[in-house]
Amino acid sequence: MVSIFSGEVNRTWRFTDGAGAGHEVVLYHHPLTGARAAMVDHAELDQSLGTSSVFHAATTTMPFRAGTARGTITIQRTSLVGFAYTCEVDGRPVDEATALVKR
């Protein structure tokens, strides 16, 4: 969960589509102001600019296509002051790339 006091949040997901091509999805979200945007393979995701704040719907979904894959980015309000982010591709959850960093 991310608090509205966290400042701007960036989330990155990487996956390979059914044809074997690699793709990257990046979400930018400011929990306090609600400002958001997304990129798919370094291009702005159409219709992703907008707001998802504590004053808006509890769930925002942004569908996308990348190569042969279809996916959805979800911003979920988890409380009055928190958000969670997920990405699904072809019906399967994709792990955040930051979660894969090994130290």
Protein backbone atom coordinates (compact mmCIF):
# COMPACT_ATOMS: atom_id res chain seq x y z
CA MET A 1 0.00 0.00 0.00
CA VAL A 2 1.11 3.55 -0.76
CA SER A 3 0.04 6.48 1.41
CA ILE A 4 -1.19 9.77 -0.03
CA PHE A 5 1.77 11.32 1.79
CA SER A 6 4.33 9.28 -0.19
CA GLY A 7 4.73 11.79 -3.00
CA GLU A 8 4.87 10.74 -6.65
CA VAL A 9 4.81 6.99 -7.18
CA ASN A 10 6.29 5.17 -10.18
CA ARG A 11 5.53 1.53 -10.90
CA THR A 12 7.11 -0.55 -13.66
CA TRP A 13 6.05 -3.93 -15.00
CA ARG A 14 7.92 -5.96 -17.63
CA PHE A 15 6.57 -8.99 -19.47
CA THR A 16 6.92 -11.05 -22.63
CA ASP A 17 3.93 -11.43 -24.96
CA GLY A 18 2.83 -14.65 -26.66
CA ALA A 19 5.07 -13.93 -29.66
CA GLY A 20 8.14 -13.63 -27.42
CA ALA A 21 8.51 -9.84 -27.59
CA GLY A 22 9.42 -7.99 -24.40
CA HIS A 23 7.32 -5.04 -23.18
CA GLU A 24 7.41 -2.45 -20.42
CA VAL A 25 4.49 -0.68 -18.72
CA VAL A 26 5.13 2.31 -16.44
CA LEU A 27 2.59 4.06 -14.23
CA TYR A 28 3.12 7.52 -12.71
CA HIS A 29 0.72 8.50 -9.93
CA HIS A 30 0.68 11.25 -7.32
CA PRO A 31 -1.61 9.91 -4.56
CA LEU A 32 -2.27 13.30 -2.96
CA THR A 33 -3.24 15.21 -6.12
CA GLY A 34 -4.43 12.12 -8.00
CA ALA A 35 -2.51 13.07 -11.17
CA ARG A 36 -1.67 9.98 -13.22
CA ALA A 37 -0.24 8.89 -16.57
CA ALA A 38 0.99 5.62 -18.05
CA MET A 39 3.46 4.57 -20.72
CA VAL A 40 3.50 1.34 -22.71
CA ASP A 41 6.78 0.58 -24.48
CA HIS A 42 7.90 4.21 -23.97
CA ALA A 43 4.78 5.69 -25.59
CA GLU A 44 2.02 7.47 -23.70
CA LEU A 45 -0.97 5.23 -23.11
CA ASP A 46 -3.96 6.91 -24.74
CA GLN A 47 -6.56 8.05 -22.18
CA SER A 48 -4.20 7.50 -19.23
CA LEU A 49 -3.81 11.17 -18.32
CA GLY A 50 -6.24 12.05 -15.59
CA THR A 51 -6.80 11.90 -11.85
CA SER A 52 -7.28 9.04 -9.41
CA SER A 53 -7.50 10.54 -5.95
CA VAL A 54 -9.26 9.79 -2.69
CA PHE A 55 -12.16 11.87 -4.03
CA HIS A 56 -12.66 9.70 -7.14
CA ALA A 57 -13.93 6.16 -7.72
CA ALA A 58 -12.25 3.47 -5.62
CA THR A 59 -10.89 1.70 -8.72
CA THR A 60 -9.37 3.10 -11.90
CA THR A 61 -8.57 0.71 -14.75
CA MET A 62 -6.55 1.52 -17.84
CA PRO A 63 -6.66 -1.12 -20.58
CA PHE A 64 -3.74 -1.41 -23.01
CA ARG A 65 -2.30 -3.48 -25.85
CA ALA A 66 1.35 -4.38 -26.23
CA GLY A 67 2.25 -6.55 -29.18
CA THR A 68 -0.06 -9.57 -29.07
CA ALA A 69 -0.91 -9.02 -25.39
CA ARG A 70 -3.87 -7.25 -23.80
CA GLY A 71 -3.55 -5.90 -20.32
CA THR A 72 -4.94 -3.66 -17.62
CA ILE A 73 -3.29 -1.31 -15.14
CA THR A 74 -5.36 -0.90 -11.97
CA ILE A 75 -5.16 1.80 -9.33
CA GLN A 76 -7.10 0.65 -6.27
CA ARG A 77 -7.92 2.95 -3.37
CA THR A 78 -7.34 0.71 -0.35
CA SER A 79 -8.32 3.18 2.39
CA LEU A 80 -8.94 6.87 2.93
CA VAL A 81 -5.23 7.51 2.55
CA GLY A 82 -3.85 4.56 0.57
CA PHE A 83 -3.55 3.07 -2.91
CA ALA A 84 -2.37 -0.22 -4.43
CA TYR A 85 -1.26 -0.81 -8.03
CA THR A 86 -1.51 -3.91 -10.21
CA CYS A 87 -0.94 -4.90 -13.81
CA GLU A 88 -2.51 -7.91 -15.50
CA VAL A 89 -1.60 -9.20 -18.95
CA ASP A 90 -3.78 -11.75 -20.71
CA GLY A 91 -5.59 -12.37 -17.42
CA ARG A 92 -2.44 -13.04 -15.38
CA PRO A 93 -0.87 -10.72 -12.80
CA VAL A 94 2.55 -9.28 -13.64
CA ASP A 95 5.08 -8.75 -10.85
CA GLU A 96 6.41 -5.23 -10.42
CA ALA A 97 9.90 -4.90 -11.86
CA THR A 98 11.03 -3.16 -8.68
CA ALA A 99 10.03 -6.29 -6.75
CA LEU A 100 12.52 -8.27 -8.87
CA VAL A 101 15.58 -6.21 -7.98
CA LYS A 102 18.23 -8.35 -6.28
CA ARG A 103 20.81 -6.80 -3.98
